[in-house]
N, C-alpha and C. Protein backbone atom coordinates (compact mmCIF):
# COMPACT_ATOMS: atom_id res chain seq x y z
N MET A 1 0.82 -1.19 0.00
CA MET A 1 0.00 0.00 0.00
C MET A 1 0.86 1.25 0.00
N LYS A 2 1.98 1.25 0.72
CA LYS A 2 2.86 2.41 0.73
C LYS A 2 3.40 2.70 -0.66
N LEU A 3 3.76 1.68 -1.41
CA LEU A 3 4.30 1.86 -2.74
C LEU A 3 3.27 2.50 -3.66
N LEU A 4 2.03 2.07 -3.61
CA LEU A 4 0.97 2.63 -4.43
C LEU A 4 0.78 4.10 -4.13
N CYS A 5 0.74 4.46 -2.87
CA CYS A 5 0.59 5.85 -2.46
C CYS A 5 1.76 6.68 -2.96
N SER A 6 2.97 6.15 -2.84
CA SER A 6 4.16 6.84 -3.29
C SER A 6 4.13 7.06 -4.80
N LEU A 7 3.69 6.06 -5.55
CA LEU A 7 3.60 6.20 -7.00
C LEU A 7 2.57 7.25 -7.38
N SER A 8 1.45 7.32 -6.68
CA SER A 8 0.43 8.31 -6.97
C SER A 8 0.95 9.72 -6.73
N ILE A 9 1.66 9.91 -5.65
CA ILE A 9 2.24 11.22 -5.36
C ILE A 9 3.26 11.59 -6.41
N SER A 10 4.12 10.66 -6.81
CA SER A 10 5.12 10.92 -7.84
C SER A 10 4.46 11.28 -9.16
N ALA A 11 3.40 10.59 -9.53
CA ALA A 11 2.68 10.89 -10.77
C ALA A 11 2.09 12.29 -10.72
N ALA A 12 1.56 12.68 -9.57
CA ALA A 12 0.99 14.02 -9.44
C ALA A 12 2.07 15.09 -9.57
N ILE A 13 3.24 14.84 -9.02
CA ILE A 13 4.34 15.80 -9.13
C ILE A 13 4.80 15.91 -10.58
N LEU A 14 4.94 14.79 -11.27
CA LEU A 14 5.34 14.81 -12.67
C LEU A 14 4.30 15.52 -13.53
N SER A 15 3.04 15.29 -13.26
CA SER A 15 1.97 15.93 -14.01
C SER A 15 2.02 17.44 -13.83
N THR A 16 2.25 17.90 -12.61
CA THR A 16 2.35 19.33 -12.33
C THR A 16 3.57 19.92 -13.02
N ALA A 17 4.69 19.22 -13.00
CA ALA A 17 5.90 19.71 -13.64
C ALA A 17 5.73 19.80 -15.14
N ALA A 18 5.00 18.86 -15.75
CA ALA A 18 4.80 18.86 -17.19
C ALA A 18 3.95 20.04 -17.63
N MET A 19 3.13 20.57 -16.74
CA MET A 19 2.26 21.68 -17.07
C MET A 19 2.86 22.99 -16.55
N ALA A 20 4.06 23.30 -17.00
CA ALA A 20 4.75 24.51 -16.56
C ALA A 20 4.11 25.74 -17.17
N GLY A 21 4.25 26.86 -16.47
CA GLY A 21 3.74 28.11 -17.00
C GLY A 21 4.45 28.51 -18.27
N SER A 22 3.93 29.52 -18.94
CA SER A 22 4.54 30.02 -20.16
C SER A 22 5.66 31.00 -19.84
N SER A 23 6.61 31.10 -20.77
CA SER A 23 7.74 32.01 -20.57
C SER A 23 7.90 33.03 -21.70
N PHE A 24 7.10 32.93 -22.74
CA PHE A 24 7.27 33.80 -23.91
C PHE A 24 7.14 35.27 -23.57
N GLN A 25 6.37 35.60 -22.54
CA GLN A 25 6.13 37.00 -22.18
C GLN A 25 7.40 37.74 -21.79
N ASN A 26 8.47 37.01 -21.48
CA ASN A 26 9.73 37.64 -21.08
C ASN A 26 10.58 38.09 -22.26
N SER A 27 10.28 37.61 -23.47
CA SER A 27 11.06 38.00 -24.65
C SER A 27 10.18 38.35 -25.84
N CYS A 28 8.89 38.56 -25.58
CA CYS A 28 7.94 38.95 -26.63
C CYS A 28 7.18 40.19 -26.16
N SER A 29 6.70 40.98 -27.10
CA SER A 29 5.90 42.15 -26.76
C SER A 29 4.68 42.20 -27.66
N ASN A 30 3.81 43.16 -27.39
CA ASN A 30 2.60 43.35 -28.18
C ASN A 30 1.79 42.07 -28.33
N PHE A 31 1.83 41.18 -27.33
CA PHE A 31 1.07 39.95 -27.46
C PHE A 31 -0.37 40.18 -27.05
N GLN A 32 -1.24 39.48 -27.78
CA GLN A 32 -2.67 39.62 -27.55
C GLN A 32 -3.41 38.38 -28.02
N PHE A 33 -4.63 38.22 -27.49
CA PHE A 33 -5.50 37.17 -27.97
C PHE A 33 -5.90 37.50 -29.39
N SER A 34 -6.00 36.49 -30.25
CA SER A 34 -6.46 36.70 -31.62
C SER A 34 -7.17 35.45 -32.12
N TYR A 35 -8.01 35.64 -33.11
CA TYR A 35 -8.63 34.50 -33.79
C TYR A 35 -7.74 34.13 -34.96
N LEU A 36 -7.35 32.89 -35.02
CA LEU A 36 -6.56 32.36 -36.13
C LEU A 36 -7.49 31.42 -36.89
N GLY A 37 -8.22 31.98 -37.85
CA GLY A 37 -9.31 31.23 -38.47
C GLY A 37 -10.40 31.05 -37.42
N ASN A 38 -10.82 29.81 -37.17
CA ASN A 38 -11.81 29.53 -36.12
C ASN A 38 -11.17 29.21 -34.79
N ASP A 39 -9.85 29.18 -34.75
CA ASP A 39 -9.12 28.80 -33.54
C ASP A 39 -8.77 30.01 -32.68
N ALA A 40 -8.64 29.77 -31.39
CA ALA A 40 -8.17 30.79 -30.45
C ALA A 40 -6.65 30.81 -30.52
N GLY A 41 -6.07 32.00 -30.53
CA GLY A 41 -4.61 32.07 -30.63
C GLY A 41 -4.02 33.27 -29.94
N ILE A 42 -2.71 33.34 -30.02
CA ILE A 42 -1.94 34.46 -29.51
C ILE A 42 -1.06 34.96 -30.66
N THR A 43 -1.03 36.26 -30.87
CA THR A 43 -0.08 36.87 -31.79
C THR A 43 0.87 37.72 -30.96
N ALA A 44 2.12 37.79 -31.39
CA ALA A 44 3.13 38.53 -30.63
C ALA A 44 4.29 38.92 -31.53
N THR A 45 5.07 39.86 -31.05
CA THR A 45 6.35 40.19 -31.66
C THR A 45 7.41 39.64 -30.71
N CYS A 46 8.18 38.65 -31.18
CA CYS A 46 9.16 37.98 -30.32
C CYS A 46 10.57 38.19 -30.85
N LEU A 47 11.51 38.28 -29.92
CA LEU A 47 12.91 38.47 -30.29
C LEU A 47 13.55 37.15 -30.69
N ARG A 48 14.32 37.22 -31.76
CA ARG A 48 15.15 36.09 -32.18
C ARG A 48 16.44 36.14 -31.36
N ALA A 49 17.26 35.08 -31.44
CA ALA A 49 18.52 35.02 -30.70
C ALA A 49 19.46 36.16 -31.09
N ASN A 50 19.37 36.63 -32.34
CA ASN A 50 20.24 37.72 -32.81
C ASN A 50 19.67 39.10 -32.48
N GLY A 51 18.55 39.16 -31.77
CA GLY A 51 17.96 40.43 -31.36
C GLY A 51 16.93 41.00 -32.32
N GLU A 52 16.73 40.38 -33.47
CA GLU A 52 15.73 40.85 -34.43
C GLU A 52 14.33 40.51 -33.94
N ALA A 53 13.38 41.38 -34.24
CA ALA A 53 11.98 41.15 -33.88
C ALA A 53 11.29 40.34 -34.96
N ASN A 54 10.40 39.43 -34.56
CA ASN A 54 9.68 38.58 -35.49
C ASN A 54 8.21 38.52 -35.09
N GLN A 55 7.31 38.77 -36.06
CA GLN A 55 5.88 38.63 -35.81
C GLN A 55 5.53 37.15 -35.87
N THR A 56 4.83 36.64 -34.87
CA THR A 56 4.52 35.21 -34.79
C THR A 56 3.15 34.99 -34.16
N SER A 57 2.61 33.82 -34.34
CA SER A 57 1.33 33.46 -33.72
C SER A 57 1.29 31.98 -33.43
N ILE A 58 0.40 31.59 -32.51
CA ILE A 58 0.24 30.19 -32.13
C ILE A 58 -1.21 29.96 -31.71
N VAL A 59 -1.71 28.76 -32.01
CA VAL A 59 -3.04 28.36 -31.57
C VAL A 59 -2.95 27.94 -30.10
N ILE A 60 -3.89 28.40 -29.28
CA ILE A 60 -3.94 28.02 -27.86
C ILE A 60 -4.58 26.63 -27.79
N ASN A 61 -3.90 25.70 -27.15
CA ASN A 61 -4.39 24.33 -27.03
C ASN A 61 -5.04 24.05 -25.68
N GLY A 62 -6.07 23.21 -25.68
CA GLY A 62 -6.57 22.56 -24.48
C GLY A 62 -7.37 23.35 -23.48
N ILE A 63 -8.04 24.42 -23.89
CA ILE A 63 -8.85 25.18 -22.93
C ILE A 63 -10.30 25.19 -23.40
N SER A 64 -11.22 24.89 -22.48
CA SER A 64 -12.64 24.89 -22.81
C SER A 64 -13.43 25.66 -21.75
N ASN A 65 -14.67 25.94 -22.08
CA ASN A 65 -15.62 26.56 -21.16
C ASN A 65 -16.47 25.45 -20.56
N GLN A 66 -16.36 25.27 -19.26
CA GLN A 66 -17.18 24.28 -18.55
C GLN A 66 -18.14 25.02 -17.63
N ASN A 67 -19.36 25.22 -18.13
CA ASN A 67 -20.42 25.89 -17.37
C ASN A 67 -19.99 27.26 -16.84
N GLY A 68 -19.31 28.03 -17.69
CA GLY A 68 -18.94 29.39 -17.33
C GLY A 68 -17.52 29.56 -16.82
N PHE A 69 -16.78 28.46 -16.70
CA PHE A 69 -15.42 28.54 -16.17
C PHE A 69 -14.42 27.94 -17.15
N LEU A 70 -13.31 28.62 -17.36
CA LEU A 70 -12.26 28.12 -18.22
C LEU A 70 -11.54 26.96 -17.53
N THR A 71 -11.33 25.87 -18.26
CA THR A 71 -10.64 24.70 -17.72
C THR A 71 -9.68 24.12 -18.75
N HIS A 72 -8.66 23.43 -18.26
CA HIS A 72 -7.75 22.68 -19.13
C HIS A 72 -8.38 21.31 -19.37
N ASP A 73 -8.47 20.90 -20.64
CA ASP A 73 -9.07 19.60 -20.91
C ASP A 73 -8.29 18.75 -21.91
N GLY A 74 -7.23 19.26 -22.49
CA GLY A 74 -6.41 18.48 -23.40
C GLY A 74 -6.94 18.41 -24.82
N ALA A 75 -8.19 18.74 -25.05
CA ALA A 75 -8.78 18.73 -26.40
C ALA A 75 -8.44 20.06 -27.09
N PRO A 76 -8.68 20.16 -28.39
CA PRO A 76 -8.50 21.47 -29.02
C PRO A 76 -9.34 22.52 -28.30
N SER A 77 -8.83 23.74 -28.19
CA SER A 77 -9.56 24.79 -27.47
C SER A 77 -10.90 25.07 -28.13
N SER A 78 -11.92 25.26 -27.29
CA SER A 78 -13.26 25.57 -27.79
C SER A 78 -13.90 26.74 -27.04
N PHE A 79 -13.21 27.27 -26.04
CA PHE A 79 -13.79 28.34 -25.20
C PHE A 79 -14.21 29.55 -26.02
N GLN A 80 -13.52 29.83 -27.12
CA GLN A 80 -13.79 31.02 -27.93
C GLN A 80 -15.19 30.98 -28.56
N GLN A 81 -15.82 29.82 -28.57
CA GLN A 81 -17.17 29.69 -29.13
C GLN A 81 -18.25 30.15 -28.17
N SER A 82 -17.94 30.24 -26.87
CA SER A 82 -18.96 30.62 -25.89
C SER A 82 -18.48 31.65 -24.88
N CYS A 83 -17.35 32.28 -25.17
CA CYS A 83 -16.80 33.31 -24.28
C CYS A 83 -16.54 34.59 -25.07
N GLY A 84 -16.61 35.71 -24.39
CA GLY A 84 -16.33 37.00 -25.01
C GLY A 84 -15.41 37.81 -24.12
N ASN A 85 -15.09 39.03 -24.57
CA ASN A 85 -14.21 39.91 -23.83
C ASN A 85 -12.93 39.17 -23.41
N ILE A 86 -12.32 38.48 -24.37
CA ILE A 86 -11.16 37.62 -24.12
C ILE A 86 -9.89 38.46 -24.14
N GLY A 87 -9.03 38.26 -23.14
CA GLY A 87 -7.79 39.01 -23.07
C GLY A 87 -6.69 38.21 -22.40
N LEU A 88 -5.50 38.81 -22.35
CA LEU A 88 -4.34 38.19 -21.72
C LEU A 88 -3.76 39.13 -20.69
N LEU A 89 -3.37 38.60 -19.55
CA LEU A 89 -2.65 39.32 -18.51
C LEU A 89 -1.34 38.57 -18.27
N SER A 90 -0.27 39.28 -17.92
CA SER A 90 0.99 38.57 -17.71
C SER A 90 1.80 39.16 -16.57
N ASP A 91 2.71 38.34 -16.06
CA ASP A 91 3.77 38.77 -15.17
C ASP A 91 5.00 37.97 -15.58
N LEU A 92 6.07 38.02 -14.81
CA LEU A 92 7.31 37.34 -15.20
C LEU A 92 7.17 35.83 -15.28
N ARG A 93 6.26 35.24 -14.51
CA ARG A 93 6.15 33.78 -14.43
C ARG A 93 5.02 33.18 -15.23
N SER A 94 4.02 33.96 -15.61
CA SER A 94 2.86 33.34 -16.24
C SER A 94 2.09 34.31 -17.13
N VAL A 95 1.25 33.71 -17.96
CA VAL A 95 0.29 34.45 -18.78
C VAL A 95 -1.08 33.87 -18.47
N THR A 96 -2.04 34.75 -18.19
CA THR A 96 -3.38 34.34 -17.82
C THR A 96 -4.37 34.78 -18.88
N LEU A 97 -5.20 33.84 -19.31
CA LEU A 97 -6.28 34.10 -20.24
C LEU A 97 -7.50 34.50 -19.43
N THR A 98 -8.12 35.62 -19.76
CA THR A 98 -9.31 36.08 -19.05
C THR A 98 -10.47 36.14 -20.05
N ALA A 99 -11.68 35.91 -19.57
CA ALA A 99 -12.85 35.95 -20.45
C ALA A 99 -14.12 36.02 -19.64
N ASN A 100 -15.20 36.40 -20.31
CA ASN A 100 -16.55 36.29 -19.77
C ASN A 100 -17.18 35.12 -20.51
N CYS A 101 -17.48 34.04 -19.79
CA CYS A 101 -17.97 32.81 -20.42
C CYS A 101 -19.41 32.51 -20.03
N ARG A 102 -20.16 32.01 -21.02
CA ARG A 102 -21.56 31.68 -20.80
C ARG A 102 -21.70 30.38 -20.02
N ALA A 103 -22.52 30.43 -18.98
CA ALA A 103 -22.87 29.24 -18.19
C ALA A 103 -24.15 28.63 -18.79
N ARG A 104 -24.49 27.42 -18.36
CA ARG A 104 -25.70 26.75 -18.85
C ARG A 104 -26.95 27.59 -18.58
N SER A 105 -26.92 28.37 -17.50
CA SER A 105 -28.07 29.20 -17.14
C SER A 105 -28.24 30.40 -18.08
N GLY A 106 -27.23 30.66 -18.92
CA GLY A 106 -27.28 31.79 -19.84
C GLY A 106 -26.52 33.00 -19.34
N GLU A 107 -26.18 33.03 -18.06
CA GLU A 107 -25.43 34.17 -17.52
C GLU A 107 -23.96 34.08 -17.96
N PHE A 108 -23.29 35.21 -17.94
CA PHE A 108 -21.86 35.24 -18.24
C PHE A 108 -21.07 35.38 -16.95
N ILE A 109 -19.99 34.63 -16.84
CA ILE A 109 -19.17 34.61 -15.64
C ILE A 109 -17.76 35.06 -16.00
N GLU A 110 -17.22 35.99 -15.21
CA GLU A 110 -15.81 36.38 -15.39
C GLU A 110 -14.94 35.24 -14.89
N THR A 111 -14.01 34.79 -15.73
CA THR A 111 -13.18 33.65 -15.38
C THR A 111 -11.79 33.83 -15.96
N SER A 112 -10.83 33.07 -15.46
CA SER A 112 -9.47 33.15 -15.98
C SER A 112 -8.76 31.82 -15.75
N ILE A 113 -7.68 31.61 -16.53
CA ILE A 113 -6.89 30.39 -16.41
C ILE A 113 -5.48 30.68 -16.94
N GLU A 114 -4.50 30.06 -16.33
CA GLU A 114 -3.12 30.23 -16.78
C GLU A 114 -2.90 29.45 -18.08
N ILE A 115 -2.27 30.09 -19.04
CA ILE A 115 -1.88 29.42 -20.28
C ILE A 115 -0.53 28.78 -20.02
N GLU A 116 -0.45 27.49 -20.28
CA GLU A 116 0.74 26.73 -19.91
C GLU A 116 1.55 26.29 -21.11
N GLY A 117 2.87 26.33 -20.96
CA GLY A 117 3.78 25.67 -21.88
C GLY A 117 4.16 26.39 -23.15
N ILE A 118 3.83 27.67 -23.32
CA ILE A 118 4.23 28.38 -24.54
C ILE A 118 5.52 29.14 -24.27
N SER A 119 6.48 29.00 -25.20
CA SER A 119 7.76 29.69 -25.07
C SER A 119 8.14 30.35 -26.39
N ASN A 120 9.15 31.17 -26.35
CA ASN A 120 9.72 31.81 -27.54
C ASN A 120 10.92 30.98 -27.97
N GLN A 121 10.83 30.37 -29.14
CA GLN A 121 11.94 29.59 -29.69
C GLN A 121 12.51 30.34 -30.88
N ASN A 122 13.54 31.15 -30.61
CA ASN A 122 14.21 31.96 -31.64
C ASN A 122 13.21 32.79 -32.46
N GLY A 123 12.31 33.47 -31.74
CA GLY A 123 11.37 34.37 -32.39
C GLY A 123 10.05 33.75 -32.80
N VAL A 124 9.84 32.50 -32.48
CA VAL A 124 8.61 31.80 -32.86
C VAL A 124 7.94 31.24 -31.60
N LEU A 125 6.65 31.54 -31.41
CA LEU A 125 5.90 30.98 -30.30
C LEU A 125 5.73 29.48 -30.52
N SER A 126 6.00 28.68 -29.49
CA SER A 126 5.84 27.23 -29.64
C SER A 126 5.56 26.57 -28.29
N TYR A 127 4.99 25.36 -28.37
CA TYR A 127 4.75 24.54 -27.18
C TYR A 127 5.94 23.64 -26.97
């Protein structure tokens, strides 16, 4: 029984580590939420290793609206179909997606979630 408990704790730690915050905000500017076709995305101006600025974009993966609240679900993002007033907030360690999302009752709820795992790879946003 001790071994099973230990394995569960280790799996939880690995899962948390795999879902690291984003770091692109430290070397990109002018980033904002954008629609990339029907997909939710981020556009930004990111620095390349040589210091040149590069316009780039990426589709946001794995965020959905669950009864008015943004959640990570691993599927392609779908929150943009039922949320409005979508924006991004950032600090040195993370980027947070904010939105007003429709609940089953029809009301809109202010909600937010950290966007995980996006970095600047030589001027290109990537997971």
